[in-house]
């Protein structure tokens, strides 16, 4: 039973945090000292935050994904589209 409770807690906590590459995450990272960034933070910021069309959840990102064949969507793209573009 304890693993189930831990899994539920993890899901709830992860739902409260900003997804890496999302507008909220990019904004938080801009305020954070670059010295505190991890290598993954730097790569994600560069990939998703420098160009609005790549920022997960931005209008451009949602439009670009809408135009992409849904069979080519990754699991993360599907999850992020539902979370940021539909809801």
PDB file of N, CA and C in Angstrom:
ATOM      1  N   UNK A   1       0.818  -1.192   0.000  1.00  0.00           N
ATOM      2  CA  UNK A   1       0.000   0.000   0.000  1.00  0.00           C
ATOM      3  C   UNK A   1       0.861   1.254   0.000  1.00  0.00           C
ATOM      4  N   UNK A   2       2.014   1.239   0.691  1.00  0.00           N
ATOM      5  CA  UNK A   2       2.865   2.419   0.764  1.00  0.00           C
ATOM      6  C   UNK A   2       3.383   2.846  -0.609  1.00  0.00           C
ATOM      7  N   UNK A   3       3.791   1.910  -1.497  1.00  0.00           N
ATOM      8  CA  UNK A   3       4.235   2.352  -2.820  1.00  0.00           C
ATOM      9  C   UNK A   3       3.126   3.082  -3.589  1.00  0.00           C
ATOM     10  N   UNK A   4       1.887   2.666  -3.403  1.00  0.00           N
ATOM     11  CA  UNK A   4       0.772   3.318  -4.071  1.00  0.00           C
ATOM     12  C   UNK A   4       0.616   4.754  -3.564  1.00  0.00           C
ATOM     13  N   UNK A   5       0.718   4.941  -2.277  1.00  0.00           N
ATOM     14  CA  UNK A   5       0.606   6.282  -1.696  1.00  0.00           C
ATOM     15  C   UNK A   5       1.751   7.159  -2.188  1.00  0.00           C
ATOM     16  N   UNK A   6       2.947   6.598  -2.243  1.00  0.00           N
ATOM     17  CA  UNK A   6       4.110   7.354  -2.730  1.00  0.00           C
ATOM     18  C   UNK A   6       3.919   7.741  -4.198  1.00  0.00           C
ATOM     19  N   UNK A   7       3.390   6.839  -5.000  1.00  0.00           N
ATOM     20  CA  UNK A   7       3.159   7.128  -6.415  1.00  0.00           C
ATOM     21  C   UNK A   7       2.120   8.235  -6.580  1.00  0.00           C
ATOM     22  N   UNK A   8       1.064   8.181  -5.796  1.00  0.00           N
ATOM     23  CA  UNK A   8       0.027   9.219  -5.867  1.00  0.00           C
ATOM     24  C   UNK A   8       0.598  10.567  -5.445  1.00  0.00           C
ATOM     25  N   UNK A   9       1.394  10.576  -4.382  1.00  0.00           N
ATOM     26  CA  UNK A   9       2.016  11.820  -3.912  1.00  0.00           C
ATOM     27  C   UNK A   9       2.936  12.391  -4.987  1.00  0.00           C
ATOM     28  N   UNK A  10       3.694  11.531  -5.646  1.00  0.00           N
ATOM     29  CA  UNK A  10       4.599  11.980  -6.705  1.00  0.00           C
ATOM     30  C   UNK A  10       3.820  12.592  -7.857  1.00  0.00           C
ATOM     31  N   UNK A  11       2.721  11.988  -8.239  1.00  0.00           N
ATOM     32  CA  UNK A  11       1.887  12.517  -9.320  1.00  0.00           C
ATOM     33  C   UNK A  11       1.329  13.884  -8.941  1.00  0.00           C
ATOM     34  N   UNK A  12       0.845  14.002  -7.718  1.00  0.00           N
ATOM     35  CA  UNK A  12       0.284  15.274  -7.265  1.00  0.00           C
ATOM     36  C   UNK A  12       1.353  16.352  -7.238  1.00  0.00           C
ATOM     37  N   UNK A  13       2.517  16.036  -6.708  1.00  0.00           N
ATOM     38  CA  UNK A  13       3.599  17.018  -6.639  1.00  0.00           C
ATOM     39  C   UNK A  13       4.092  17.415  -8.025  1.00  0.00           C
ATOM     40  N   UNK A  14       4.182  16.462  -8.935  1.00  0.00           N
ATOM     41  CA  UNK A  14       4.662  16.795 -10.275  1.00  0.00           C
ATOM     42  C   UNK A  14       3.641  17.631 -11.036  1.00  0.00           C
ATOM     43  N   UNK A  15       2.373  17.489 -10.714  1.00  0.00           N
ATOM     44  CA  UNK A  15       1.344  18.288 -11.368  1.00  0.00           C
ATOM     45  C   UNK A  15       1.440  19.750 -10.956  1.00  0.00           C
ATOM     46  N   UNK A  16       1.997  20.009  -9.783  1.00  0.00           N
ATOM     47  CA  UNK A  16       2.110  21.375  -9.275  1.00  0.00           C
ATOM     48  C   UNK A  16       3.323  22.107  -9.822  1.00  0.00           C
ATOM     49  N   UNK A  17       4.303  21.378 -10.303  1.00  0.00           N
ATOM     50  CA  UNK A  17       5.513  22.022 -10.792  1.00  0.00           C
ATOM     51  C   UNK A  17       5.384  22.352 -12.277  1.00  0.00           C
ATOM     52  N   UNK A  18       6.157  23.337 -12.702  1.00  0.00           N
ATOM     53  CA  UNK A  18       6.144  23.732 -14.107  1.00  0.00           C
ATOM     54  C   UNK A  18       6.924  22.709 -14.923  1.00  0.00           C
ATOM     55  N   UNK A  19       6.368  22.315 -16.058  1.00  0.00           N
ATOM     56  CA  UNK A  19       7.045  21.370 -16.934  1.00  0.00           C
ATOM     57  C   UNK A  19       8.268  22.025 -17.541  1.00  0.00           C
ATOM     58  N   UNK A  20       9.416  21.334 -17.558  1.00  0.00           N
ATOM     59  CA  UNK A  20      10.600  21.894 -18.208  1.00  0.00           C
ATOM     60  C   UNK A  20      10.292  22.272 -19.659  1.00  0.00           C
ATOM     61  N   UNK A  21      10.625  23.504 -20.006  1.00  0.00           N
ATOM     62  CA  UNK A  21      10.360  24.002 -21.352  1.00  0.00           C
ATOM     63  C   UNK A  21       9.071  24.784 -21.475  1.00  0.00           C
ATOM     64  N   UNK A  22       8.230  24.751 -20.429  1.00  0.00           N
ATOM     65  CA  UNK A  22       6.973  25.500 -20.473  1.00  0.00           C
ATOM     66  C   UNK A  22       7.257  26.975 -20.215  1.00  0.00           C
ATOM     67  N   UNK A  23       6.274  27.826 -20.505  1.00  0.00           N
ATOM     68  CA  UNK A  23       6.450  29.260 -20.293  1.00  0.00           C
ATOM     69  C   UNK A  23       6.762  29.558 -18.823  1.00  0.00           C
ATOM     70  N   UNK A  24       6.065  28.895 -17.908  1.00  0.00           N
ATOM     71  CA  UNK A  24       6.297  29.123 -16.477  1.00  0.00           C
ATOM     72  C   UNK A  24       7.704  28.694 -16.081  1.00  0.00           C
ATOM     73  N   UNK A  25       8.150  27.576 -16.604  1.00  0.00           N
ATOM     74  CA  UNK A  25       9.492  27.080 -16.295  1.00  0.00           C
ATOM     75  C   UNK A  25      10.545  28.030 -16.847  1.00  0.00           C
ATOM     76  N   UNK A  26      10.363  28.488 -18.077  1.00  0.00           N
ATOM     77  CA  UNK A  26      11.317  29.418 -18.689  1.00  0.00           C
ATOM     78  C   UNK A  26      11.414  30.700 -17.867  1.00  0.00           C
ATOM     79  N   UNK A  27      10.287  31.202 -17.423  1.00  0.00           N
ATOM     80  CA  UNK A  27      10.261  32.416 -16.616  1.00  0.00           C
ATOM     81  C   UNK A  27      11.001  32.212 -15.294  1.00  0.00           C
ATOM     82  N   UNK A  28      10.770  31.073 -14.659  1.00  0.00           N
ATOM     83  CA  UNK A  28      11.456  30.765 -13.399  1.00  0.00           C
ATOM     84  C   UNK A  28      12.958  30.657 -13.612  1.00  0.00           C
ATOM     85  N   UNK A  29      13.352  30.032 -14.712  1.00  0.00           N
ATOM     86  CA  UNK A  29      14.783  29.869 -14.989  1.00  0.00           C
ATOM     87  C   UNK A  29      15.455  31.204 -15.269  1.00  0.00           C
ATOM     88  N   UNK A  30      14.752  32.148 -15.888  1.00  0.00           N
ATOM     89  CA  UNK A  30      15.324  33.465 -16.165  1.00  0.00           C
ATOM     90  C   UNK A  30      15.680  34.173 -14.862  1.00  0.00           C
ATOM     91  N   UNK A  31      14.905  33.935 -13.825  1.00  0.00           N
ATOM     92  CA  UNK A  31      15.129  34.586 -12.537  1.00  0.00           C
ATOM     93  C   UNK A  31      16.192  33.879 -11.704  1.00  0.00           C
ATOM     94  N   UNK A  32      16.488  32.636 -12.038  1.00  0.00           N
ATOM     95  CA  UNK A  32      17.441  31.826 -11.288  1.00  0.00           C
ATOM     96  C   UNK A  32      18.861  32.136 -11.757  1.00  0.00           C
ATOM     97  N   UNK A  33      19.811  32.137 -10.846  1.00  0.00           N
ATOM     98  CA  UNK A  33      21.209  32.366 -11.195  1.00  0.00           C
ATOM     99  C   UNK A  33      21.695  31.270 -12.143  1.00  0.00           C
ATOM    100  N   UNK A  34      22.348  31.662 -13.210  1.00  0.00           N
ATOM    101  CA  UNK A  34      22.843  30.683 -14.189  1.00  0.00           C
ATOM    102  C   UNK A  34      23.812  29.695 -13.538  1.00  0.00           C
ATOM    103  N   UNK A  35      24.472  30.110 -12.477  1.00  0.00           N
ATOM    104  CA  UNK A  35      25.381  29.221 -11.770  1.00  0.00           C
ATOM    105  C   UNK A  35      24.669  28.065 -11.081  1.00  0.00           C
ATOM    106  N   UNK A  36      23.367  28.213 -10.875  1.00  0.00           N
ATOM    107  CA  UNK A  36      22.577  27.159 -10.235  1.00  0.00           C
ATOM    108  C   UNK A  36      21.940  26.200 -11.239  1.00  0.00           C
ATOM    109  N   UNK A  37      22.104  26.493 -12.523  1.00  0.00           N
ATOM    110  CA  UNK A  37      21.514  25.642 -13.554  1.00  0.00           C
ATOM    111  C   UNK A  37      22.325  24.355 -13.691  1.00  0.00           C
ATOM    112  N   UNK A  38      21.616  23.270 -13.992  1.00  0.00           N
ATOM    113  CA  UNK A  38      22.285  22.020 -14.348  1.00  0.00           C
ATOM    114  C   UNK A  38      22.520  22.015 -15.854  1.00  0.00           C
ATOM    115  N   UNK A  39      23.277  21.055 -16.326  1.00  0.00           N
ATOM    116  CA  UNK A  39      23.493  20.921 -17.773  1.00  0.00           C
ATOM    117  C   UNK A  39      22.160  20.680 -18.478  1.00  0.00           C
ATOM    118  N   UNK A  40      21.295  19.882 -17.869  1.00  0.00           N
ATOM    119  CA  UNK A  40      19.973  19.620 -18.456  1.00  0.00           C
ATOM    120  C   UNK A  40      19.136  20.899 -18.512  1.00  0.00           C
ATOM    121  N   UNK A  41      19.220  21.720 -17.448  1.00  0.00           N
ATOM    122  CA  UNK A  41      18.496  22.994 -17.443  1.00  0.00           C
ATOM    123  C   UNK A  41      18.937  23.856 -18.625  1.00  0.00           C
ATOM    124  N   UNK A  42      20.241  23.939 -18.827  1.00  0.00           N
ATOM    125  CA  UNK A  42      20.789  24.759 -19.908  1.00  0.00           C
ATOM    126  C   UNK A  42      20.323  24.262 -21.271  1.00  0.00           C
ATOM    127  N   UNK A  43      20.368  22.954 -21.473  1.00  0.00           N
ATOM    128  CA  UNK A  43      19.936  22.387 -22.756  1.00  0.00           C
ATOM    129  C   UNK A  43      18.445  22.616 -22.978  1.00  0.00           C
ATOM    130  N   UNK A  44      17.636  22.391 -21.951  1.00  0.00           N
ATOM    131  CA  UNK A  44      16.188  22.577 -22.075  1.00  0.00           C
ATOM    132  C   UNK A  44      15.863  24.039 -22.321  1.00  0.00           C
ATOM    133  N   UNK A  45      16.527  24.938 -21.603  1.00  0.00           N
ATOM    134  CA  UNK A  45      16.298  26.374 -21.794  1.00  0.00           C
ATOM    135  C   UNK A  45      16.649  26.769 -23.233  1.00  0.00           C
ATOM    136  N   UNK A  46      17.791  26.321 -23.697  1.00  0.00           N
ATOM    137  CA  UNK A  46      18.199  26.652 -25.060  1.00  0.00           C
ATOM    138  C   UNK A  46      17.244  26.101 -26.110  1.00  0.00           C
ATOM    139  N   UNK A  47      16.744  24.926 -25.875  1.00  0.00           N
ATOM    140  CA  UNK A  47      15.855  24.275 -26.845  1.00  0.00           C
ATOM    141  C   UNK A  47      14.461  24.887 -26.857  1.00  0.00           C
ATOM    142  N   UNK A  48      13.940  25.245 -25.685  1.00  0.00           N
ATOM    143  CA  UNK A  48      12.539  25.642 -25.599  1.00  0.00           C
ATOM    144  C   UNK A  48      12.268  27.104 -25.263  1.00  0.00           C
ATOM    145  N   UNK A  49      13.214  27.799 -24.680  1.00  0.00           N
ATOM    146  CA  UNK A  49      12.911  29.129 -24.156  1.00  0.00           C
ATOM    147  C   UNK A  49      13.431  30.270 -25.017  1.00  0.00           C
ATOM    148  N   UNK A  50      14.393  30.021 -25.868  1.00  0.00           N
ATOM    149  CA  UNK A  50      14.976  31.114 -26.644  1.00  0.00           C
ATOM    150  C   UNK A  50      14.096  31.549 -27.812  1.00  0.00           C
ATOM    151  N   UNK A  51      13.365  30.634 -28.376  1.00  0.00           N
ATOM    152  CA  UNK A  51      12.442  30.949 -29.473  1.00  0.00           C
ATOM    153  C   UNK A  51      11.028  30.626 -29.018  1.00  0.00           C
ATOM    154  N   UNK A  52      10.120  31.587 -29.137  1.00  0.00           N
ATOM    155  CA  UNK A  52       8.744  31.377 -28.674  1.00  0.00           C
ATOM    156  C   UNK A  52       8.098  30.176 -29.348  1.00  0.00           C
ATOM    157  N   UNK A  53       8.456  29.913 -30.594  1.00  0.00           N
ATOM    158  CA  UNK A  53       7.825  28.797 -31.301  1.00  0.00           C
ATOM    159  C   UNK A  53       8.213  27.451 -30.697  1.00  0.00           C
ATOM    160  N   UNK A  54       9.234  27.436 -29.864  1.00  0.00           N
ATOM    161  CA  UNK A  54       9.665  26.197 -29.223  1.00  0.00           C
ATOM    162  C   UNK A  54       9.280  26.128 -27.756  1.00  0.00           C
ATOM    163  N   UNK A  55       8.742  27.212 -27.201  1.00  0.00           N
ATOM    164  CA  UNK A  55       8.344  27.211 -25.795  1.00  0.00           C
ATOM    165  C   UNK A  55       7.069  26.395 -25.642  1.00  0.00           C
ATOM    166  N   UNK A  56       7.173  25.327 -24.883  1.00  0.00           N
ATOM    167  CA  UNK A  56       6.031  24.431 -24.704  1.00  0.00           C
ATOM    168  C   UNK A  56       4.859  25.209 -24.140  1.00  0.00           C
ATOM    169  N   UNK A  57       3.729  25.126 -24.828  1.00  0.00           N
ATOM    170  CA  UNK A  57       2.519  25.792 -24.386  1.00  0.00           C
ATOM    171  C   UNK A  57       2.296  27.155 -25.009  1.00  0.00           C
ATOM    172  N   UNK A  58       3.312  27.692 -25.706  1.00  0.00           N
ATOM    173  CA  UNK A  58       3.107  28.985 -26.365  1.00  0.00           C
ATOM    174  C   UNK A  58       2.127  28.800 -27.525  1.00  0.00           C
ATOM    175  N   UNK A  59       1.532  29.883 -27.949  1.00  0.00           N
ATOM    176  CA  UNK A  59       0.562  29.807 -29.052  1.00  0.00           C
ATOM    177  C   UNK A  59       1.217  29.222 -30.307  1.00  0.00           C
ATOM    178  N   UNK A  60       2.447  29.663 -30.603  1.00  0.00           N
ATOM    179  CA  UNK A  60       3.159  29.134 -31.773  1.00  0.00           C
ATOM    180  C   UNK A  60       3.425  27.641 -31.645  1.00  0.00           C
ATOM    181  N   UNK A  61       3.833  27.211 -30.436  1.00  0.00           N
ATOM    182  CA  UNK A  61       4.120  25.797 -30.212  1.00  0.00           C
ATOM    183  C   UNK A  61       2.859  24.963 -30.402  1.00  0.00           C
ATOM    184  N   UNK A  62       1.749  25.429 -29.844  1.00  0.00           N
ATOM    185  CA  UNK A  62       0.473  24.708 -29.981  1.00  0.00           C
ATOM    186  C   UNK A  62       0.052  24.630 -31.450  1.00  0.00           C
ATOM    187  N   UNK A  63       0.189  25.749 -32.179  1.00  0.00           N
ATOM    188  CA  UNK A  63      -0.174  25.763 -33.597  1.00  0.00           C
ATOM    189  C   UNK A  63       0.709  24.831 -34.408  1.00  0.00           C
ATOM    190  N   UNK A  64       2.021  24.841 -34.125  1.00  0.00           N
ATOM    191  CA  UNK A  64       2.941  23.956 -34.845  1.00  0.00           C
ATOM    192  C   UNK A  64       2.597  22.493 -34.595  1.00  0.00           C
ATOM    193  N   UNK A  65       2.285  22.160 -33.356  1.00  0.00           N
ATOM    194  CA  UNK A  65       1.958  20.771 -33.037  1.00  0.00           C
ATOM    195  C   UNK A  65       0.625  20.374 -33.652  1.00  0.00           C
ATOM    196  N   UNK A  66      -0.312  21.316 -33.700  1.00  0.00           N
ATOM    197  CA  UNK A  66      -1.617  21.053 -34.307  1.00  0.00           C
ATOM    198  C   UNK A  66      -1.466  20.662 -35.782  1.00  0.00           C
ATOM    199  N   UNK A  67      -0.471  21.282 -36.446  1.00  0.00           N
ATOM    200  CA  UNK A  67      -0.229  21.015 -37.863  1.00  0.00           C
ATOM    201  C   UNK A  67       0.543  19.720 -38.101  1.00  0.00           C
ATOM    202  N   UNK A  68       1.177  19.203 -37.056  1.00  0.00           N
ATOM    203  CA  UNK A  68       1.973  17.975 -37.165  1.00  0.00           C
ATOM    204  C   UNK A  68       1.039  16.762 -37.134  1.00  0.00           C
ATOM    205  N   UNK A  69       1.345  15.749 -37.939  1.00  0.00           N
ATOM    206  CA  UNK A  69       0.566  14.516 -37.952  1.00  0.00           C
ATOM    207  C   UNK A  69       0.548  13.918 -36.544  1.00  0.00           C
ATOM    208  N   UNK A  70      -0.631  13.668 -36.009  1.00  0.00           N
ATOM    209  CA  UNK A  70      -0.751  13.189 -34.631  1.00  0.00           C
ATOM    210  C   UNK A  70      -0.057  11.844 -34.414  1.00  0.00           C
ATOM    211  N   UNK A  71       0.111  11.087 -35.455  1.00  0.00           N
ATOM    212  CA  UNK A  71       0.844   9.826 -35.352  1.00  0.00           C
ATOM    213  C   UNK A  71       2.324  10.026 -35.110  1.00  0.00           C
ATOM    214  N   UNK A  72       2.813  11.242 -35.376  1.00  0.00           N
ATOM    215  CA  UNK A  72       4.225  11.555 -35.175  1.00  0.00           C
ATOM    216  C   UNK A  72       4.496  12.241 -33.837  1.00  0.00           C
ATOM    217  N   UNK A  73       3.448  12.498 -33.048  1.00  0.00           N
ATOM    218  CA  UNK A  73       3.615  13.142 -31.748  1.00  0.00           C
ATOM    219  C   UNK A  73       4.298  12.182 -30.774  1.00  0.00           C
ATOM    220  N   UNK A  74       5.197  12.713 -29.963  1.00  0.00           N
ATOM    221  CA  UNK A  74       5.797  11.911 -28.903  1.00  0.00           C
ATOM    222  C   UNK A  74       4.829  11.870 -27.718  1.00  0.00           C
ATOM    223  N   UNK A  75       5.113  11.012 -26.771  1.00  0.00           N
ATOM    224  CA  UNK A  75       4.293  10.942 -25.565  1.00  0.00           C
ATOM    225  C   UNK A  75       4.322  12.276 -24.831  1.00  0.00           C
ATOM    226  N   UNK A  76       5.504  12.887 -24.732  1.00  0.00           N
ATOM    227  CA  UNK A  76       5.624  14.185 -24.052  1.00  0.00           C
ATOM    228  C   UNK A  76       4.857  15.266 -24.798  1.00  0.00           C
ATOM    229  N   UNK A  77       4.917  15.267 -26.121  1.00  0.00           N
ATOM    230  CA  UNK A  77       4.170  16.262 -26.888  1.00  0.00           C
ATOM    231  C   UNK A  77       2.666  16.110 -26.650  1.00  0.00           C
ATOM    232  N   UNK A  78       2.183  14.881 -26.630  1.00  0.00           N
ATOM    233  CA  UNK A  78       0.761  14.627 -26.390  1.00  0.00           C
ATOM    234  C   UNK A  78       0.353  15.134 -25.011  1.00  0.00           C
ATOM    235  N   UNK A  79       1.145  14.797 -24.002  1.00  0.00           N
ATOM    236  CA  UNK A  79       0.856  15.222 -22.626  1.00  0.00           C
ATOM    237  C   UNK A  79       0.894  16.742 -22.521  1.00  0.00           C
ATOM    238  N   UNK A  80       1.926  17.356 -23.084  1.00  0.00           N
ATOM    239  CA  UNK A  80       2.060  18.806 -22.987  1.00  0.00           C
ATOM    240  C   UNK A  80       0.995  19.541 -23.801  1.00  0.00           C
ATOM    241  N   UNK A  81       0.609  18.993 -24.929  1.00  0.00           N
ATOM    242  CA  UNK A  81      -0.452  19.601 -25.724  1.00  0.00           C
ATOM    243  C   UNK A  81      -1.766  19.610 -24.938  1.00  0.00           C
ATOM    244  N   UNK A  82      -2.068  18.454 -24.342  1.00  0.00           N
ATOM    245  CA  UNK A  82      -3.305  18.363 -23.547  1.00  0.00           C
ATOM    246  C   UNK A  82      -3.260  19.316 -22.357  1.00  0.00           C
ATOM    247  N   UNK A  83      -2.124  19.414 -21.716  1.00  0.00           N
ATOM    248  CA  UNK A  83      -1.999  20.239 -20.507  1.00  0.00           C
ATOM    249  C   UNK A  83      -1.979  21.736 -20.819  1.00  0.00           C
ATOM    250  N   UNK A  84      -1.278  22.136 -21.899  1.00  0.00           N
ATOM    251  CA  UNK A  84      -1.044  23.556 -22.150  1.00  0.00           C
ATOM    252  C   UNK A  84      -1.885  24.153 -23.261  1.00  0.00           C
ATOM    253  N   UNK A  85      -2.367  23.334 -24.181  1.00  0.00           N
ATOM    254  CA  UNK A  85      -3.082  23.876 -25.333  1.00  0.00           C
ATOM    255  C   UNK A  85      -4.587  23.616 -25.275  1.00  0.00           C
ATOM    256  N   UNK A  86      -4.989  22.576 -24.570  1.00  0.00           N
ATOM    257  CA  UNK A  86      -6.406  22.216 -24.521  1.00  0.00           C
ATOM    258  C   UNK A  86      -7.051  22.728 -23.252  1.00  0.00           C
ATOM    259  N   UNK A  87      -6.382  22.505 -22.137  1.00  0.00           N
ATOM    260  CA  UNK A  87      -6.958  22.870 -20.829  1.00  0.00           C
ATOM    261  C   UNK A  87      -6.802  24.346 -20.578  1.00  0.00           C
TER     262      UNK A  87
END
